[in-house]
Amino acid sequence: MVEFFKNVPKISYEGPDSDNPLAFKHYDADAVIEGRPMREHLRFSVAYWHAFCGTGADPFGEAARQLPWQAGDPMETARNKVVACFEFCEKLGLDFYCAHDNDLAPEGATLAESWRNLDAIVPRLKEAQQHTGVRLLWGTANCFSHPRFMHGAGTSCNADVFAYAAAKIAKAMEITRELGGQGYVFWGGREGYKSLLNTDMRRELDHLARLMHMAVDYKEKIGFQGQFFIEPKPKEPTKHQYDSDAAACHAFLLRHGLVDHFKLNIEANHATLAGHTLHHELEYAAANGLFGSIDANRGDLLLGWDTDQFPLDLYDATFAMLAVLRAGGFTAGGLNFDAHVHRESFEPIDLVYAHIGAMDAMARGLKIAAAIRADGRLDDFLENRYASWNSGIGARIEAGDVGFDELKNYMLERGEAAPNESGRVEMLENLVNQYFR
């Protein structure tokens, strides 16, 4: 069988002292942390679209990447991408992949032709999964790239476009079920507005909710057991997208009676575009029972757009893994590298280096997070900071046993609130820094 990463061996763990660029320094898949192997904590996934479809083109330049799996015939390219993906996953020890429908097979002149193309590729994916043990983490439908979706998909002003999006989503759900996908992601790439002058926001949100309810019904009809995820993003390509951050998604799900059917797929770069950190978005999701999965990447804070770089910041990785461990770990989700190599990193080997670095960074974040938790001082400080809520008036407030009348009398009797204690922010930051060595 043809090899697309010919000079790449199976990447193994060699430890922190290794100088081998084709080896892991921190990701030891079978090393046990908090009772589970690293691979189960991290559940790494390659993003089919960036890894095997992205060309390196940008608004100022044409395609630059070397993609040896590309052929003159789009269907031959699709078949080659299957081989490239599973070879890549096996060599790097990636247990999962994620994909849109359009990543797997080219769109045809009609919807029926597009589906014939998909139906020709899915058996190859299924066979490759059975042969390698690599699984589909989640599937999704591309309802944003084609010009038909210029006004949105579920929020389009054109009812035919809504219907087209629903058909694509239904087919993508069927494929995800057939491939044993553990989840399905809804990303509203153009579900928003550029101008409110031509937008009926309430109607668009109601239509988007109707699409989600249809998906819930169809999921039950076809027997898909995977988890539904929504991926927040505040802007780009629209000025405002309705799924702008974790809180906006939560409000939407509550408003439309959908909260029991969805969790969130939080992307790091989307969090920073929303003015948040990945840590914040994960903590919000976990606090509201919505923690699901992570698109692991980062943005350039000097640029105001979605650069989708590979995650190498150890602080971000550590804080993310602290949140994941506190939330009880992944179930249907994982760490999907929704990231692309830099335009100037155009050779296939660069994709390998990028994933090695990102996998090591997240593994190191996991080790540091576990060490901080084992140390216990951070958790102890947090518990002690809220000690006044564990008994007395604090416990009665939390239990709902008092109202304003009781609290008025309580404070009149006390005369003044108990003195505040320091938040010790610098001390806690110093504590975390002890583990970066």
Protein backbone atom coordinates (compact mmCIF):
# COMPACT_ATOMS: atom_id res chain seq x y z
CA MET A 1 0.00 0.00 0.00
CA VAL A 2 1.20 3.52 -0.79
CA GLU A 3 2.72 5.54 2.07
CA PHE A 4 2.17 9.29 2.21
CA PHE A 5 4.41 9.87 5.25
CA LYS A 6 7.23 7.67 3.97
CA ASN A 7 10.10 8.72 6.20
CA VAL A 8 8.06 8.90 9.40
CA PRO A 9 8.40 5.95 11.79
CA LYS A 10 5.87 5.10 14.45
CA ILE A 11 6.33 7.90 16.97
CA SER A 12 7.28 6.55 20.40
CA TYR A 13 7.82 8.02 23.84
CA GLU A 14 11.49 8.71 24.62
CA GLY A 15 11.14 11.00 27.64
CA PRO A 16 11.99 14.64 28.44
CA ASP A 17 15.72 14.23 27.76
CA SER A 18 15.27 13.09 24.16
CA ASP A 19 16.50 15.33 21.35
CA ASN A 20 14.71 13.31 18.68
CA PRO A 21 12.20 15.58 16.87
CA LEU A 22 10.24 12.46 15.88
CA ALA A 23 9.62 11.29 19.44
CA PHE A 24 7.32 12.20 22.31
CA LYS A 25 8.94 13.81 25.32
CA HIS A 26 5.86 13.88 27.55
CA TYR A 27 3.07 11.90 25.90
CA ASP A 28 3.36 8.34 27.18
CA ALA A 29 0.06 6.83 26.06
CA ASP A 30 -0.04 4.03 28.63
CA ALA A 31 1.32 5.98 31.63
CA VAL A 32 -1.32 6.00 34.36
CA ILE A 33 -2.41 9.33 35.83
CA GLU A 34 -5.20 9.53 38.41
CA GLY A 35 -6.06 5.91 37.71
CA ARG A 36 -6.35 6.13 33.91
CA PRO A 37 -3.88 5.91 31.02
CA MET A 38 -2.90 9.17 29.38
CA ARG A 39 -4.57 8.17 26.13
CA GLU A 40 -7.93 7.87 27.93
CA HIS A 41 -7.55 11.24 29.62
CA LEU A 42 -6.57 13.05 26.41
CA ARG A 43 -8.44 11.19 23.65
CA PHE A 44 -6.46 12.88 20.87
CA SER A 45 -8.06 13.39 17.47
CA VAL A 46 -6.80 14.66 14.11
CA ALA A 47 -8.98 17.20 12.28
CA TYR A 48 -9.53 15.79 8.78
CA TRP A 49 -10.21 19.23 7.28
CA HIS A 50 -7.01 20.98 8.39
CA ALA A 51 -4.70 17.97 8.19
CA PHE A 52 -5.70 16.45 4.86
CA CYS A 53 -7.81 19.10 3.10
CA GLY A 54 -6.22 22.42 4.02
CA THR A 55 -4.00 23.78 1.27
CA GLY A 56 -2.23 26.58 3.11
CA ALA A 57 -4.05 29.22 1.07
CA ASP A 58 -4.95 32.46 2.81
CA PRO A 59 -6.63 35.73 1.73
CA PHE A 60 -3.31 36.91 0.31
CA GLY A 61 -1.86 33.75 -1.19
CA GLU A 62 -2.63 30.61 -3.15
CA ALA A 63 -2.28 27.00 -2.03
CA ALA A 64 1.18 26.26 -0.66
CA ARG A 65 1.11 22.87 1.08
CA GLN A 66 2.43 19.69 -0.45
CA LEU A 67 -0.47 17.23 -0.36
CA PRO A 68 0.80 14.02 -1.94
CA TRP A 69 -2.64 12.43 -1.63
CA GLN A 70 -4.12 14.95 -4.07
CA ALA A 71 -4.96 13.52 -7.48
CA GLY A 72 -6.49 14.87 -10.66
CA ASP A 73 -9.78 13.10 -9.93
CA PRO A 74 -11.57 14.40 -6.77
CA MET A 75 -12.81 10.91 -5.88
CA GLU A 76 -9.30 9.51 -6.19
CA THR A 77 -8.17 12.26 -3.84
CA ALA A 78 -10.94 11.27 -1.42
CA ARG A 79 -9.79 7.65 -1.47
CA ASN A 80 -6.18 8.73 -0.94
CA LYS A 81 -7.14 10.91 2.02
CA VAL A 82 -8.54 7.87 3.80
CA VAL A 83 -5.19 6.12 3.42
CA ALA A 84 -3.26 9.23 4.51
CA CYS A 85 -5.46 9.80 7.56
CA PHE A 86 -5.19 6.31 8.97
CA GLU A 87 -1.48 6.02 8.19
CA PHE A 88 -0.98 9.31 10.06
CA CYS A 89 -3.08 8.21 13.03
CA GLU A 90 -1.28 4.89 13.32
CA LYS A 91 2.17 6.47 13.17
CA LEU A 92 1.35 9.09 15.80
CA GLY A 93 -0.82 6.91 18.01
CA LEU A 94 -3.91 9.07 17.50
CA ASP A 95 -7.00 7.15 18.55
CA PHE A 96 -9.57 9.37 16.82
CA TYR A 97 -10.34 11.57 13.84
CA CYS A 98 -13.07 14.18 13.21
CA ALA A 99 -14.56 15.16 9.87
CA HIS A 100 -17.19 17.15 7.99
CA ASP A 101 -19.12 15.47 5.20
CA ASN A 102 -17.35 17.62 2.59
CA ASP A 103 -13.94 16.62 3.96
CA LEU A 104 -14.61 12.98 3.21
CA ALA A 105 -15.93 13.29 -0.35
CA PRO A 106 -16.37 16.09 -2.89
CA GLU A 107 -19.68 17.81 -3.41
CA GLY A 108 -21.38 16.90 -6.66
CA ALA A 109 -23.51 18.93 -9.03
CA THR A 110 -26.60 17.79 -7.10
CA LEU A 111 -27.30 16.65 -3.57
CA ALA A 112 -27.87 13.13 -4.83
CA GLU A 113 -24.45 13.08 -6.50
CA SER A 114 -22.82 14.38 -3.31
CA TRP A 115 -24.42 11.55 -1.38
CA ARG A 116 -23.28 8.96 -3.93
CA ASN A 117 -19.75 10.25 -3.44
CA LEU A 118 -20.05 9.90 0.33
CA ASP A 119 -21.57 6.43 0.04
CA ALA A 120 -18.53 5.36 -2.00
CA ILE A 121 -16.07 6.54 0.68
CA VAL A 122 -17.79 5.50 3.90
CA PRO A 123 -17.10 1.75 3.41
CA ARG A 124 -13.40 2.55 3.00
CA LEU A 125 -13.44 4.53 6.24
CA LYS A 126 -15.24 1.71 8.00
CA GLU A 127 -12.72 -0.84 6.75
CA ALA A 128 -9.79 1.37 7.81
CA GLN A 129 -11.31 1.79 11.27
CA GLN A 130 -11.67 -1.95 11.67
CA HIS A 131 -8.11 -2.54 10.49
CA THR A 132 -6.44 0.12 12.67
CA GLY A 133 -8.71 0.57 15.68
CA VAL A 134 -8.82 4.33 15.02
CA ARG A 135 -12.33 5.68 15.65
CA LEU A 136 -14.48 8.64 14.67
CA LEU A 137 -14.67 11.05 17.60
CA TRP A 138 -17.41 13.13 16.02
CA GLY A 139 -18.87 13.96 12.65
CA THR A 140 -20.49 17.10 11.31
CA ALA A 141 -21.86 18.71 8.16
CA ASN A 142 -20.33 21.64 6.31
CA CYS A 143 -23.20 24.14 6.10
CA PHE A 144 -21.11 27.25 5.60
CA SER A 145 -18.63 26.98 2.68
CA HIS A 146 -20.90 26.80 -0.38
CA PRO A 147 -22.42 30.08 -1.69
CA ARG A 148 -25.90 28.70 -1.01
CA PHE A 149 -25.14 29.28 2.69
CA MET A 150 -24.14 32.93 2.30
CA HIS A 151 -27.09 34.01 4.50
CA GLY A 152 -26.69 31.12 6.94
CA ALA A 153 -28.08 27.61 7.02
CA GLY A 154 -30.60 27.10 9.82
CA THR A 155 -30.94 30.88 10.04
CA SER A 156 -31.13 31.59 6.31
CA CYS A 157 -33.84 33.90 4.98
CA ASN A 158 -34.33 31.27 2.24
CA ALA A 159 -36.49 28.31 3.32
CA ASP A 160 -35.00 26.09 0.59
CA VAL A 161 -31.53 26.64 2.06
CA PHE A 162 -32.85 25.64 5.49
CA ALA A 163 -34.21 22.45 3.91
CA TYR A 164 -30.89 21.79 2.14
CA ALA A 165 -28.99 22.20 5.42
CA ALA A 166 -31.40 19.84 7.18
CA ALA A 167 -30.84 17.23 4.47
CA LYS A 168 -27.05 17.53 4.76
CA ILE A 169 -27.19 17.26 8.55
CA ALA A 170 -29.45 14.21 8.37
CA LYS A 171 -27.04 12.46 5.99
CA ALA A 172 -24.02 13.42 8.09
CA MET A 173 -25.74 12.03 11.18
CA GLU A 174 -26.43 8.77 9.34
CA ILE A 175 -22.77 8.51 8.33
CA THR A 176 -21.60 9.33 11.86
CA ARG A 177 -23.84 6.58 13.23
CA GLU A 178 -22.63 4.08 10.63
CA LEU A 179 -18.99 4.85 11.47
CA GLY A 180 -19.62 4.53 15.21
CA GLY A 181 -18.97 8.21 15.88
CA GLN A 182 -19.10 9.11 19.54
CA GLY A 183 -20.66 12.49 18.91
CA TYR A 184 -22.00 14.97 16.39
CA VAL A 185 -21.06 18.67 16.36
CA PHE A 186 -23.17 21.63 15.29
CA TRP A 187 -21.02 24.61 14.35
CA GLY A 188 -23.00 27.57 13.05
CA GLY A 189 -20.35 28.89 10.68
CA ARG A 190 -22.68 31.53 9.24
CA GLU A 191 -25.53 31.41 11.76
CA GLY A 192 -25.45 35.10 12.61
CA TYR A 193 -25.63 38.47 10.95
CA LYS A 194 -23.54 41.14 9.26
CA SER A 195 -26.22 43.84 9.62
CA LEU A 196 -29.32 44.04 11.81
CA LEU A 197 -30.94 46.19 9.13
CA ASN A 198 -31.73 43.05 7.12
CA THR A 199 -32.08 40.60 10.03
CA ASP A 200 -35.13 39.35 11.93
CA MET A 201 -33.16 38.02 14.89
CA ARG A 202 -36.06 36.43 16.75
CA ARG A 203 -37.25 34.57 13.66
CA GLU A 204 -33.75 33.35 12.84
CA LEU A 205 -33.19 32.06 16.37
CA ASP A 206 -36.56 30.30 16.32
CA HIS A 207 -35.64 28.68 13.00
CA LEU A 208 -32.28 27.55 14.38
CA ALA A 209 -34.04 26.00 17.37
CA ARG A 210 -36.49 24.26 15.01
CA LEU A 211 -33.52 22.74 13.14
CA MET A 212 -32.04 21.49 16.43
CA HIS A 213 -35.34 19.93 17.50
CA MET A 214 -35.58 18.19 14.12
CA ALA A 215 -32.08 16.83 14.66
CA VAL A 216 -33.02 15.53 18.12
CA ASP A 217 -36.04 13.76 16.63
CA TYR A 218 -34.00 12.31 13.77
CA LYS A 219 -31.31 11.12 16.15
CA GLU A 220 -33.92 9.05 17.97
CA LYS A 221 -35.45 7.81 14.71
CA ILE A 222 -32.15 6.44 13.30
CA GLY A 223 -30.94 5.12 16.65
CA PHE A 224 -27.84 7.31 16.89
CA GLN A 225 -26.46 6.94 20.41
CA GLY A 226 -23.75 9.62 20.21
CA GLN A 227 -23.63 12.92 22.04
CA PHE A 228 -24.77 16.16 20.38
CA PHE A 229 -22.39 19.10 20.77
CA ILE A 230 -22.66 22.80 19.95
CA GLU A 231 -19.43 24.69 19.26
CA PRO A 232 -19.45 28.35 20.34
CA LYS A 233 -17.85 31.12 18.24
CA PRO A 234 -18.50 34.86 18.56
CA LYS A 235 -17.70 36.20 15.09
CA GLU A 236 -15.93 35.57 11.79
CA PRO A 237 -17.17 35.17 9.17
CA THR A 238 -20.23 37.04 10.46
CA LYS A 239 -20.04 40.12 12.67
CA HIS A 240 -22.02 38.31 15.34
CA GLN A 241 -22.81 34.61 15.56
CA TYR A 242 -25.69 33.41 17.69
CA ASP A 243 -23.57 30.72 19.37
CA SER A 244 -21.10 33.41 20.49
CA ASP A 245 -19.81 31.77 23.68
CA ALA A 246 -20.67 29.07 26.22
CA ALA A 247 -23.11 31.30 28.08
CA ALA A 248 -24.94 32.34 24.90
CA CYS A 249 -25.26 28.68 23.87
CA HIS A 250 -26.56 27.82 27.33
CA ALA A 251 -29.17 30.58 27.18
CA PHE A 252 -30.27 29.44 23.69
CA LEU A 253 -30.62 25.82 24.82
CA LEU A 254 -32.61 26.81 27.90
CA ARG A 255 -34.86 29.20 25.98
CA HIS A 256 -35.76 26.55 23.40
CA GLY A 257 -36.05 23.46 25.60
CA LEU A 258 -32.94 21.77 24.22
CA VAL A 259 -30.57 21.80 27.17
CA ASP A 260 -31.02 18.09 27.95
CA HIS A 261 -29.86 17.08 24.47
CA PHE A 262 -26.63 19.02 23.99
CA LYS A 263 -23.21 19.61 25.49
CA LEU A 264 -20.53 22.03 24.31
CA ASN A 265 -17.48 21.53 22.14
CA ILE A 266 -15.26 24.39 23.32
CA GLU A 267 -12.56 25.69 20.98
CA ALA A 268 -9.62 27.58 22.49
CA ASN A 269 -9.29 30.11 19.66
CA HIS A 270 -13.02 30.80 19.68
CA ALA A 271 -12.85 31.46 23.43
CA THR A 272 -10.19 34.14 22.98
CA LEU A 273 -12.13 35.71 20.11
CA ALA A 274 -15.05 36.00 22.54
CA GLY A 275 -12.85 37.77 25.07
CA HIS A 276 -12.55 34.73 27.33
CA THR A 277 -9.94 32.12 28.09
CA LEU A 278 -10.32 28.44 27.29
CA HIS A 279 -10.19 27.87 31.06
CA HIS A 280 -13.18 30.18 31.57
CA GLU A 281 -15.30 28.53 28.88
CA LEU A 282 -14.54 25.04 30.19
CA GLU A 283 -15.35 26.03 33.77
CA TYR A 284 -18.62 27.63 32.66
CA ALA A 285 -19.58 24.56 30.67
CA ALA A 286 -18.74 22.21 33.55
CA ALA A 287 -20.57 24.39 36.11
CA ASN A 288 -23.74 24.11 34.03
CA GLY A 289 -23.53 20.42 33.10
CA LEU A 290 -22.50 21.19 29.51
CA PHE A 291 -18.86 20.08 29.43
CA GLY A 292 -18.35 17.86 26.41
CA SER A 293 -15.32 18.18 24.15
CA ILE A 294 -12.45 20.49 23.19
CA ASP A 295 -11.08 21.76 19.89
CA ALA A 296 -7.47 22.13 21.01
CA ASN A 297 -5.74 25.04 19.31
CA ARG A 298 -4.74 28.63 20.03
CA GLY A 299 -4.94 32.03 18.41
CA ASP A 300 -2.41 34.77 18.03
CA LEU A 301 -3.46 37.44 20.53
CA LEU A 302 -1.91 40.13 18.30
CA LEU A 303 -4.28 39.16 15.47
CA GLY A 304 -8.03 39.53 15.68
CA TRP A 305 -9.01 36.45 13.72
CA ASP A 306 -9.16 32.69 13.96
CA THR A 307 -5.56 31.60 13.28
CA ASP A 308 -6.10 28.00 14.46
CA GLN A 309 -2.51 27.40 15.53
CA PHE A 310 -1.45 24.23 17.29
CA PRO A 311 -1.68 24.45 21.11
CA LEU A 312 1.79 24.88 22.61
CA ASP A 313 1.13 27.21 25.56
CA LEU A 314 1.79 25.13 28.68
CA TYR A 315 -0.25 27.39 30.97
CA ASP A 316 -3.30 27.10 28.71
CA ALA A 317 -2.79 23.32 28.54
CA THR A 318 -2.47 23.03 32.32
CA PHE A 319 -5.52 25.14 33.10
CA ALA A 320 -7.54 23.27 30.48
CA MET A 321 -6.60 19.91 31.95
CA LEU A 322 -7.35 21.15 35.47
CA ALA A 323 -10.85 21.95 34.25
CA VAL A 324 -11.18 18.60 32.46
CA LEU A 325 -10.05 16.62 35.52
CA ARG A 326 -12.38 18.60 37.81
CA ALA A 327 -15.24 17.86 35.41
CA GLY A 328 -14.56 14.12 35.67
CA GLY A 329 -12.83 13.74 32.31
CA PHE A 330 -14.09 13.16 28.79
CA THR A 331 -16.85 10.70 27.96
CA ALA A 332 -17.94 11.15 24.34
CA GLY A 333 -15.54 14.03 23.71
CA GLY A 334 -11.80 14.49 23.50
CA LEU A 335 -8.99 16.79 22.37
CA ASN A 336 -9.41 17.42 18.66
CA PHE A 337 -6.55 19.32 17.04
CA ASP A 338 -8.61 21.82 15.07
CA ALA A 339 -5.37 23.44 13.95
CA HIS A 340 -3.32 23.87 10.80
CA VAL A 341 0.37 24.22 10.14
CA HIS A 342 1.70 27.65 9.25
CA ARG A 343 1.62 28.53 5.56
CA GLU A 344 5.42 28.40 5.41
CA SER A 345 5.43 24.90 6.95
CA PHE A 346 4.32 23.23 3.75
CA GLU A 347 5.89 19.75 3.73
CA PRO A 348 4.02 16.66 5.04
CA ILE A 349 6.61 16.18 7.80
CA ASP A 350 5.60 19.56 9.25
CA LEU A 351 2.16 18.15 10.04
CA VAL A 352 3.89 15.41 12.02
CA TYR A 353 6.04 17.86 13.98
CA ALA A 354 2.98 19.99 14.74
CA HIS A 355 1.02 17.11 16.21
CA ILE A 356 3.98 15.80 18.22
CA GLY A 357 4.44 19.23 19.80
CA ALA A 358 0.75 19.67 20.54
CA MET A 359 0.35 16.17 21.97
CA ASP A 360 3.38 16.72 24.19
CA ALA A 361 2.07 20.11 25.34
CA MET A 362 -1.32 18.72 26.32
CA ALA A 363 0.30 15.69 27.97
CA ARG A 364 2.59 17.95 29.96
CA GLY A 365 -0.45 20.05 30.94
CA LEU A 366 -2.15 16.87 32.13
CA LYS A 367 0.87 15.87 34.23
CA ILE A 368 1.14 19.32 35.79
CA ALA A 369 -2.60 19.49 36.48
CA ALA A 370 -2.53 16.07 38.14
CA ALA A 371 0.48 17.10 40.26
CA ILE A 372 -1.30 20.28 41.39
CA ARG A 373 -4.36 18.23 42.35
CA ALA A 374 -2.23 15.68 44.21
CA ASP A 375 -0.48 18.49 46.09
CA GLY A 376 -3.91 19.60 47.35
CA ARG A 377 -3.03 23.16 48.33
CA LEU A 378 -5.00 24.77 45.49
CA ASP A 379 -8.13 22.74 46.27
CA ASP A 380 -7.70 23.35 50.00
CA PHE A 381 -7.41 27.08 49.48
CA LEU A 382 -10.54 27.09 47.32
CA GLU A 383 -12.48 25.10 49.89
CA ASN A 384 -11.34 27.33 52.76
CA ARG A 385 -12.14 30.52 50.85
CA TYR A 386 -15.82 29.55 50.83
CA ALA A 387 -15.85 28.10 54.36
CA SER A 388 -18.43 30.64 55.56
CA TRP A 389 -20.97 28.94 53.30
CA ASN A 390 -20.55 25.54 54.94
CA SER A 391 -22.34 26.38 58.20
CA GLY A 392 -24.33 29.09 59.91
CA ILE A 393 -25.98 31.77 57.81
CA GLY A 394 -24.12 30.72 54.64
CA ALA A 395 -25.50 27.18 54.80
CA ARG A 396 -29.00 28.53 55.48
CA ILE A 397 -28.78 30.86 52.43
CA GLU A 398 -27.67 28.01 50.17
CA ALA A 399 -30.46 25.79 51.50
CA GLY A 400 -33.06 28.48 50.74
CA ASP A 401 -34.10 28.71 54.38
CA VAL A 402 -33.86 32.50 54.70
CA GLY A 403 -35.00 35.58 52.82
CA PHE A 404 -34.41 39.31 53.02
CA ASP A 405 -36.29 39.68 56.33
CA GLU A 406 -34.08 37.11 58.08
CA LEU A 407 -30.93 38.59 56.54
CA LYS A 408 -31.92 42.10 57.64
CA ASN A 409 -32.32 40.90 61.23
CA TYR A 410 -29.10 38.88 61.04
CA MET A 411 -27.03 41.88 59.96
CA LEU A 412 -28.74 44.28 62.38
CA GLU A 413 -27.73 41.94 65.19
CA ARG A 414 -24.15 41.50 63.92
CA GLY A 415 -23.70 45.14 63.04
CA GLU A 416 -21.06 44.49 60.34
CA ALA A 417 -19.97 41.74 57.98
CA ALA A 418 -17.05 39.55 58.98
CA PRO A 419 -13.74 40.93 57.61
CA ASN A 420 -12.65 39.74 54.20
CA GLU A 421 -9.58 37.57 53.78
CA SER A 422 -7.02 37.99 51.01
CA GLY A 423 -7.60 36.18 47.74
CA ARG A 424 -3.84 35.35 47.64
CA VAL A 425 -3.77 35.53 43.83
CA GLU A 426 0.01 35.95 43.60
CA MET A 427 0.64 33.10 46.03
CA LEU A 428 -1.58 30.78 43.98
CA GLU A 429 0.14 31.79 40.75
CA ASN A 430 3.48 31.07 42.43
CA LEU A 431 2.16 27.68 43.51
CA VAL A 432 1.26 26.80 39.92
CA ASN A 433 4.65 27.99 38.70
CA GLN A 434 6.39 25.50 41.00
CA TYR A 435 5.31 22.71 38.66
CA PHE A 436 6.74 24.21 35.47
CA ARG A 437 10.18 22.72 35.69
